[in-house]
Amino acid sequence: MSAPSSDVLPVIGLCAAREQARWSFWDRPAHLVSNSYVRAVQRAGGAAVLLPVDERAAERVVGLIDALLLI
């Protein structure tokens, strides 16, 4: 799939998973998404935006994105 010809990239929301994440000295809950999803959106010409797990913000966020990728 080729990127759109417009200068404006569509904003694609990626729903994150809330998981315990550990690396280096860090061991904390985190909102994560696999890089393969981000790269797929970018290759298709979109701007990937990570959406944290936050039910309170769902209605507001939906109005800010052009599409939502449920993973």
PDB file of N, CA and C in Angstrom:
ATOM      1  N   MET A   1       0.850  -1.172   0.000  1.00  0.00           N
ATOM      2  CA  MET A   1       0.000   0.000   0.000  1.00  0.00           C
ATOM      3  C   MET A   1       0.894   1.233   0.000  1.00  0.00           C
ATOM      4  N   SER A   2       0.628   2.188  -0.848  1.00  0.00           N
ATOM      5  CA  SER A   2       1.451   3.391  -0.914  1.00  0.00           C
ATOM      6  C   SER A   2       0.856   4.495  -0.059  1.00  0.00           C
ATOM      7  N   ALA A   3       1.709   5.428   0.322  1.00  0.00           N
ATOM      8  CA  ALA A   3       1.293   6.542   1.166  1.00  0.00           C
ATOM      9  C   ALA A   3       0.399   7.491   0.379  1.00  0.00           C
ATOM     10  N   PRO A   4      -0.559   8.141   1.071  1.00  0.00           N
ATOM     11  CA  PRO A   4      -1.416   9.125   0.402  1.00  0.00           C
ATOM     12  C   PRO A   4      -0.587  10.279  -0.145  1.00  0.00           C
ATOM     13  N   SER A   5      -1.073  10.913  -1.211  1.00  0.00           N
ATOM     14  CA  SER A   5      -0.335  12.005  -1.835  1.00  0.00           C
ATOM     15  C   SER A   5      -0.488  13.323  -1.084  1.00  0.00           C
ATOM     16  N   SER A   6      -1.465  13.440  -0.217  1.00  0.00           N
ATOM     17  CA  SER A   6      -1.693  14.664   0.532  1.00  0.00           C
ATOM     18  C   SER A   6      -0.580  14.885   1.555  1.00  0.00           C
ATOM     19  N   ASP A   7      -0.336  16.164   1.889  1.00  0.00           N
ATOM     20  CA  ASP A   7       0.653  16.489   2.909  1.00  0.00           C
ATOM     21  C   ASP A   7       0.141  16.193   4.315  1.00  0.00           C
ATOM     22  N   VAL A   8      -1.167  16.060   4.466  1.00  0.00           N
ATOM     23  CA  VAL A   8      -1.767  15.803   5.769  1.00  0.00           C
ATOM     24  C   VAL A   8      -1.895  14.292   5.973  1.00  0.00           C
ATOM     25  N   LEU A   9      -1.244  13.797   7.009  1.00  0.00           N
ATOM     26  CA  LEU A   9      -1.313  12.370   7.308  1.00  0.00           C
ATOM     27  C   LEU A   9      -2.568  12.060   8.106  1.00  0.00           C
ATOM     28  N   PRO A  10      -3.268  10.978   7.774  1.00  0.00           N
ATOM     29  CA  PRO A  10      -4.398  10.583   8.614  1.00  0.00           C
ATOM     30  C   PRO A  10      -3.873  10.110   9.973  1.00  0.00           C
ATOM     31  N   VAL A  11      -4.562  10.483  11.022  1.00  0.00           N
ATOM     32  CA  VAL A  11      -4.169  10.115  12.379  1.00  0.00           C
ATOM     33  C   VAL A  11      -4.880   8.822  12.746  1.00  0.00           C
ATOM     34  N   ILE A  12      -4.088   7.786  13.018  1.00  0.00           N
ATOM     35  CA  ILE A  12      -4.622   6.475  13.330  1.00  0.00           C
ATOM     36  C   ILE A  12      -4.339   6.173  14.795  1.00  0.00           C
ATOM     37  N   GLY A  13      -5.387   6.006  15.571  1.00  0.00           N
ATOM     38  CA  GLY A  13      -5.245   5.666  16.983  1.00  0.00           C
ATOM     39  C   GLY A  13      -5.001   4.177  17.151  1.00  0.00           C
ATOM     40  N   LEU A  14      -4.008   3.831  17.943  1.00  0.00           N
ATOM     41  CA  LEU A  14      -3.703   2.436  18.267  1.00  0.00           C
ATOM     42  C   LEU A  14      -4.031   2.223  19.736  1.00  0.00           C
ATOM     43  N   CYS A  15      -4.951   1.313  20.012  1.00  0.00           N
ATOM     44  CA  CYS A  15      -5.281   1.053  21.416  1.00  0.00           C
ATOM     45  C   CYS A  15      -4.136   0.292  22.071  1.00  0.00           C
ATOM     46  N   ALA A  16      -3.740   0.733  23.220  1.00  0.00           N
ATOM     47  CA  ALA A  16      -2.619   0.135  23.937  1.00  0.00           C
ATOM     48  C   ALA A  16      -3.120  -0.928  24.906  1.00  0.00           C
ATOM     49  N   ALA A  17      -2.201  -1.736  25.359  1.00  0.00           N
ATOM     50  CA  ALA A  17      -2.471  -2.704  26.422  1.00  0.00           C
ATOM     51  C   ALA A  17      -1.768  -2.230  27.688  1.00  0.00           C
ATOM     52  N   ARG A  18      -2.417  -2.385  28.818  1.00  0.00           N
ATOM     53  CA  ARG A  18      -1.800  -2.009  30.090  1.00  0.00           C
ATOM     54  C   ARG A  18      -1.129  -3.259  30.651  1.00  0.00           C
ATOM     55  N   GLU A  19       0.189  -3.192  30.787  1.00  0.00           N
ATOM     56  CA  GLU A  19       0.987  -4.334  31.240  1.00  0.00           C
ATOM     57  C   GLU A  19       2.081  -3.862  32.192  1.00  0.00           C
ATOM     58  N   GLN A  20       2.569  -4.767  33.005  1.00  0.00           N
ATOM     59  CA  GLN A  20       3.753  -4.482  33.813  1.00  0.00           C
ATOM     60  C   GLN A  20       4.953  -4.575  32.883  1.00  0.00           C
ATOM     61  N   ALA A  21       5.782  -3.559  32.857  1.00  0.00           N
ATOM     62  CA  ALA A  21       6.931  -3.532  31.947  1.00  0.00           C
ATOM     63  C   ALA A  21       8.215  -3.388  32.759  1.00  0.00           C
ATOM     64  N   ARG A  22       9.225  -4.187  32.368  1.00  0.00           N
ATOM     65  CA  ARG A  22      10.505  -4.154  33.066  1.00  0.00           C
ATOM     66  C   ARG A  22      11.635  -4.048  32.064  1.00  0.00           C
ATOM     67  N   TRP A  23      12.491  -3.072  32.242  1.00  0.00           N
ATOM     68  CA  TRP A  23      13.764  -2.990  31.547  1.00  0.00           C
ATOM     69  C   TRP A  23      14.665  -2.057  32.343  1.00  0.00           C
ATOM     70  N   SER A  24      15.935  -2.340  32.276  1.00  0.00           N
ATOM     71  CA  SER A  24      16.926  -1.601  33.060  1.00  0.00           C
ATOM     72  C   SER A  24      16.490  -1.596  34.530  1.00  0.00           C
ATOM     73  N   PHE A  25      16.393  -0.429  35.152  1.00  0.00           N
ATOM     74  CA  PHE A  25      15.961  -0.321  36.547  1.00  0.00           C
ATOM     75  C   PHE A  25      14.464  -0.077  36.658  1.00  0.00           C
ATOM     76  N   TRP A  26      13.769  -0.040  35.537  1.00  0.00           N
ATOM     77  CA  TRP A  26      12.352   0.325  35.495  1.00  0.00           C
ATOM     78  C   TRP A  26      11.492  -0.918  35.650  1.00  0.00           C
ATOM     79  N   ASP A  27      10.518  -0.898  36.538  1.00  0.00           N
ATOM     80  CA  ASP A  27       9.556  -1.983  36.721  1.00  0.00           C
ATOM     81  C   ASP A  27       8.242  -1.353  37.144  1.00  0.00           C
ATOM     82  N   ARG A  28       7.446  -0.983  36.126  1.00  0.00           N
ATOM     83  CA  ARG A  28       6.233  -0.214  36.400  1.00  0.00           C
ATOM     84  C   ARG A  28       5.132  -0.612  35.432  1.00  0.00           C
ATOM     85  N   PRO A  29       3.873  -0.325  35.792  1.00  0.00           N
ATOM     86  CA  PRO A  29       2.789  -0.510  34.825  1.00  0.00           C
ATOM     87  C   PRO A  29       3.007   0.441  33.643  1.00  0.00           C
ATOM     88  N   ALA A  30       2.692  -0.027  32.449  1.00  0.00           N
ATOM     89  CA  ALA A  30       2.914   0.794  31.254  1.00  0.00           C
ATOM     90  C   ALA A  30       1.798   0.543  30.246  1.00  0.00           C
ATOM     91  N   HIS A  31       1.642   1.472  29.330  1.00  0.00           N
ATOM     92  CA  HIS A  31       0.707   1.338  28.213  1.00  0.00           C
ATOM     93  C   HIS A  31       1.562   1.031  26.995  1.00  0.00           C
ATOM     94  N   LEU A  32       1.357  -0.145  26.405  1.00  0.00           N
ATOM     95  CA  LEU A  32       2.264  -0.642  25.374  1.00  0.00           C
ATOM     96  C   LEU A  32       1.528  -1.034  24.102  1.00  0.00           C
ATOM     97  N   VAL A  33       2.274  -0.956  22.991  1.00  0.00           N
ATOM     98  CA  VAL A  33       1.804  -1.473  21.711  1.00  0.00           C
ATOM     99  C   VAL A  33       3.038  -1.971  20.953  1.00  0.00           C
ATOM    100  N   SER A  34       2.877  -3.039  20.229  1.00  0.00           N
ATOM    101  CA  SER A  34       3.997  -3.594  19.467  1.00  0.00           C
ATOM    102  C   SER A  34       4.408  -2.628  18.357  1.00  0.00           C
ATOM    103  N   ASN A  35       5.696  -2.508  18.151  1.00  0.00           N
ATOM    104  CA  ASN A  35       6.216  -1.637  17.099  1.00  0.00           C
ATOM    105  C   ASN A  35       5.736  -2.066  15.712  1.00  0.00           C
ATOM    106  N   SER A  36       5.412  -3.340  15.527  1.00  0.00           N
ATOM    107  CA  SER A  36       4.948  -3.796  14.213  1.00  0.00           C
ATOM    108  C   SER A  36       3.661  -3.093  13.794  1.00  0.00           C
ATOM    109  N   TYR A  37       2.784  -2.776  14.747  1.00  0.00           N
ATOM    110  CA  TYR A  37       1.555  -2.045  14.412  1.00  0.00           C
ATOM    111  C   TYR A  37       1.862  -0.599  14.033  1.00  0.00           C
ATOM    112  N   VAL A  38       2.745   0.032  14.778  1.00  0.00           N
ATOM    113  CA  VAL A  38       3.133   1.417  14.483  1.00  0.00           C
ATOM    114  C   VAL A  38       3.753   1.495  13.088  1.00  0.00           C
ATOM    115  N   ARG A  39       4.669   0.592  12.794  1.00  0.00           N
ATOM    116  CA  ARG A  39       5.333   0.586  11.479  1.00  0.00           C
ATOM    117  C   ARG A  39       4.337   0.329  10.354  1.00  0.00           C
ATOM    118  N   ALA A  40       3.367  -0.546  10.560  1.00  0.00           N
ATOM    119  CA  ALA A  40       2.367  -0.823   9.526  1.00  0.00           C
ATOM    120  C   ALA A  40       1.549   0.423   9.212  1.00  0.00           C
ATOM    121  N   VAL A  41       1.156   1.159  10.240  1.00  0.00           N
ATOM    122  CA  VAL A  41       0.407   2.408  10.028  1.00  0.00           C
ATOM    123  C   VAL A  41       1.280   3.408   9.287  1.00  0.00           C
ATOM    124  N   GLN A  42       2.538   3.528   9.675  1.00  0.00           N
ATOM    125  CA  GLN A  42       3.446   4.468   9.013  1.00  0.00           C
ATOM    126  C   GLN A  42       3.680   4.084   7.553  1.00  0.00           C
ATOM    127  N   ARG A  43       3.871   2.807   7.280  1.00  0.00           N
ATOM    128  CA  ARG A  43       4.082   2.360   5.895  1.00  0.00           C
ATOM    129  C   ARG A  43       2.859   2.639   5.026  1.00  0.00           C
ATOM    130  N   ALA A  44       1.680   2.615   5.638  1.00  0.00           N
ATOM    131  CA  ALA A  44       0.450   2.890   4.894  1.00  0.00           C
ATOM    132  C   ALA A  44       0.195   4.387   4.742  1.00  0.00           C
ATOM    133  N   GLY A  45       1.074   5.225   5.319  1.00  0.00           N
ATOM    134  CA  GLY A  45       0.949   6.668   5.154  1.00  0.00           C
ATOM    135  C   GLY A  45       0.225   7.369   6.274  1.00  0.00           C
ATOM    136  N   GLY A  46       0.036   6.702   7.391  1.00  0.00           N
ATOM    137  CA  GLY A  46      -0.668   7.311   8.515  1.00  0.00           C
ATOM    138  C   GLY A  46       0.281   7.745   9.614  1.00  0.00           C
ATOM    139  N   ALA A  47      -0.245   8.537  10.534  1.00  0.00           N
ATOM    140  CA  ALA A  47       0.479   8.952  11.727  1.00  0.00           C
ATOM    141  C   ALA A  47      -0.091   8.143  12.890  1.00  0.00           C
ATOM    142  N   ALA A  48       0.717   7.255  13.443  1.00  0.00           N
ATOM    143  CA  ALA A  48       0.277   6.392  14.535  1.00  0.00           C
ATOM    144  C   ALA A  48       0.287   7.161  15.851  1.00  0.00           C
ATOM    145  N   VAL A  49      -0.807   7.073  16.587  1.00  0.00           N
ATOM    146  CA  VAL A  49      -0.923   7.722  17.888  1.00  0.00           C
ATOM    147  C   VAL A  49      -1.338   6.656  18.891  1.00  0.00           C
ATOM    148  N   LEU A  50      -0.543   6.496  19.932  1.00  0.00           N
ATOM    149  CA  LEU A  50      -0.822   5.512  20.961  1.00  0.00           C
ATOM    150  C   LEU A  50      -1.897   6.041  21.902  1.00  0.00           C
ATOM    151  N   LEU A  51      -2.955   5.266  22.074  1.00  0.00           N
ATOM    152  CA  LEU A  51      -4.047   5.646  22.961  1.00  0.00           C
ATOM    153  C   LEU A  51      -3.935   4.857  24.256  1.00  0.00           C
ATOM    154  N   PRO A  52      -3.704   5.522  25.382  1.00  0.00           N
ATOM    155  CA  PRO A  52      -3.591   4.810  26.644  1.00  0.00           C
ATOM    156  C   PRO A  52      -4.937   4.222  27.056  1.00  0.00           C
ATOM    157  N   VAL A  53      -4.869   3.251  27.944  1.00  0.00           N
ATOM    158  CA  VAL A  53      -6.085   2.637  28.463  1.00  0.00           C
ATOM    159  C   VAL A  53      -6.693   3.626  29.455  1.00  0.00           C
ATOM    160  N   ASP A  54      -7.717   4.340  29.014  1.00  0.00           N
ATOM    161  CA  ASP A  54      -8.354   5.358  29.849  1.00  0.00           C
ATOM    162  C   ASP A  54      -9.799   5.523  29.384  1.00  0.00           C
ATOM    163  N   GLU A  55     -10.690   4.779  30.010  1.00  0.00           N
ATOM    164  CA  GLU A  55     -12.095   4.799  29.609  1.00  0.00           C
ATOM    165  C   GLU A  55     -12.707   6.198  29.717  1.00  0.00           C
ATOM    166  N   ARG A  56     -12.211   7.013  30.643  1.00  0.00           N
ATOM    167  CA  ARG A  56     -12.773   8.356  30.846  1.00  0.00           C
ATOM    168  C   ARG A  56     -12.532   9.274  29.659  1.00  0.00           C
ATOM    169  N   ALA A  57     -11.458   9.036  28.915  1.00  0.00           N
ATOM    170  CA  ALA A  57     -11.100   9.921  27.810  1.00  0.00           C
ATOM    171  C   ALA A  57     -11.589   9.405  26.460  1.00  0.00           C
ATOM    172  N   ALA A  58     -12.214   8.258  26.416  1.00  0.00           N
ATOM    173  CA  ALA A  58     -12.563   7.614  25.148  1.00  0.00           C
ATOM    174  C   ALA A  58     -13.397   8.514  24.233  1.00  0.00           C
ATOM    175  N   GLU A  59     -14.429   9.134  24.740  1.00  0.00           N
ATOM    176  CA  GLU A  59     -15.287   9.972  23.893  1.00  0.00           C
ATOM    177  C   GLU A  59     -14.520  11.151  23.300  1.00  0.00           C
ATOM    178  N   ARG A  60     -13.663  11.782  24.059  1.00  0.00           N
ATOM    179  CA  ARG A  60     -12.902  12.930  23.561  1.00  0.00           C
ATOM    180  C   ARG A  60     -11.873  12.505  22.534  1.00  0.00           C
ATOM    181  N   VAL A  61     -11.228  11.383  22.748  1.00  0.00           N
ATOM    182  CA  VAL A  61     -10.160  10.926  21.858  1.00  0.00           C
ATOM    183  C   VAL A  61     -10.705  10.534  20.497  1.00  0.00           C
ATOM    184  N   VAL A  62     -11.855   9.903  20.465  1.00  0.00           N
ATOM    185  CA  VAL A  62     -12.433   9.449  19.199  1.00  0.00           C
ATOM    186  C   VAL A  62     -12.602  10.610  18.226  1.00  0.00           C
ATOM    187  N   GLY A  63     -12.898  11.784  18.702  1.00  0.00           N
ATOM    188  CA  GLY A  63     -13.056  12.946  17.840  1.00  0.00           C
ATOM    189  C   GLY A  63     -11.742  13.505  17.306  1.00  0.00           C
ATOM    190  N   LEU A  64     -10.621  13.066  17.824  1.00  0.00           N
ATOM    191  CA  LEU A  64      -9.316  13.594  17.425  1.00  0.00           C
ATOM    192  C   LEU A  64      -8.587  12.719  16.407  1.00  0.00           C
ATOM    193  N   ILE A  65      -9.101  11.526  16.180  1.00  0.00           N
ATOM    194  CA  ILE A  65      -8.415  10.601  15.259  1.00  0.00           C
ATOM    195  C   ILE A  65      -9.273  10.358  14.026  1.00  0.00           C
ATOM    196  N   ASP A  66      -8.619   9.948  12.963  1.00  0.00           N
ATOM    197  CA  ASP A  66      -9.332   9.641  11.708  1.00  0.00           C
ATOM    198  C   ASP A  66      -9.779   8.188  11.644  1.00  0.00           C
ATOM    199  N   ALA A  67      -9.064   7.318  12.342  1.00  0.00           N
ATOM    200  CA  ALA A  67      -9.402   5.898  12.367  1.00  0.00           C
ATOM    201  C   ALA A  67      -8.826   5.283  13.638  1.00  0.00           C
ATOM    202  N   LEU A  68      -9.352   4.106  13.987  1.00  0.00           N
ATOM    203  CA  LEU A  68      -8.920   3.413  15.180  1.00  0.00           C
ATOM    204  C   LEU A  68      -8.542   1.985  14.826  1.00  0.00           C
ATOM    205  N   LEU A  69      -7.341   1.575  15.219  1.00  0.00           N
ATOM    206  CA  LEU A  69      -6.890   0.210  15.001  1.00  0.00           C
ATOM    207  C   LEU A  69      -6.974  -0.524  16.325  1.00  0.00           C
ATOM    208  N   LEU A  70      -7.895  -1.485  16.405  1.00  0.00           N
ATOM    209  CA  LEU A  70      -8.042  -2.298  17.597  1.00  0.00           C
ATOM    210  C   LEU A  70      -7.128  -3.500  17.465  1.00  0.00           C
ATOM    211  N   ILE A  71      -6.228  -3.651  18.429  1.00  0.00           N
ATOM    212  CA  ILE A  71      -5.251  -4.740  18.338  1.00  0.00           C
ATOM    213  C   ILE A  71      -5.372  -5.672  19.515  1.00  0.00           C
TER     214      ILE A  71
END
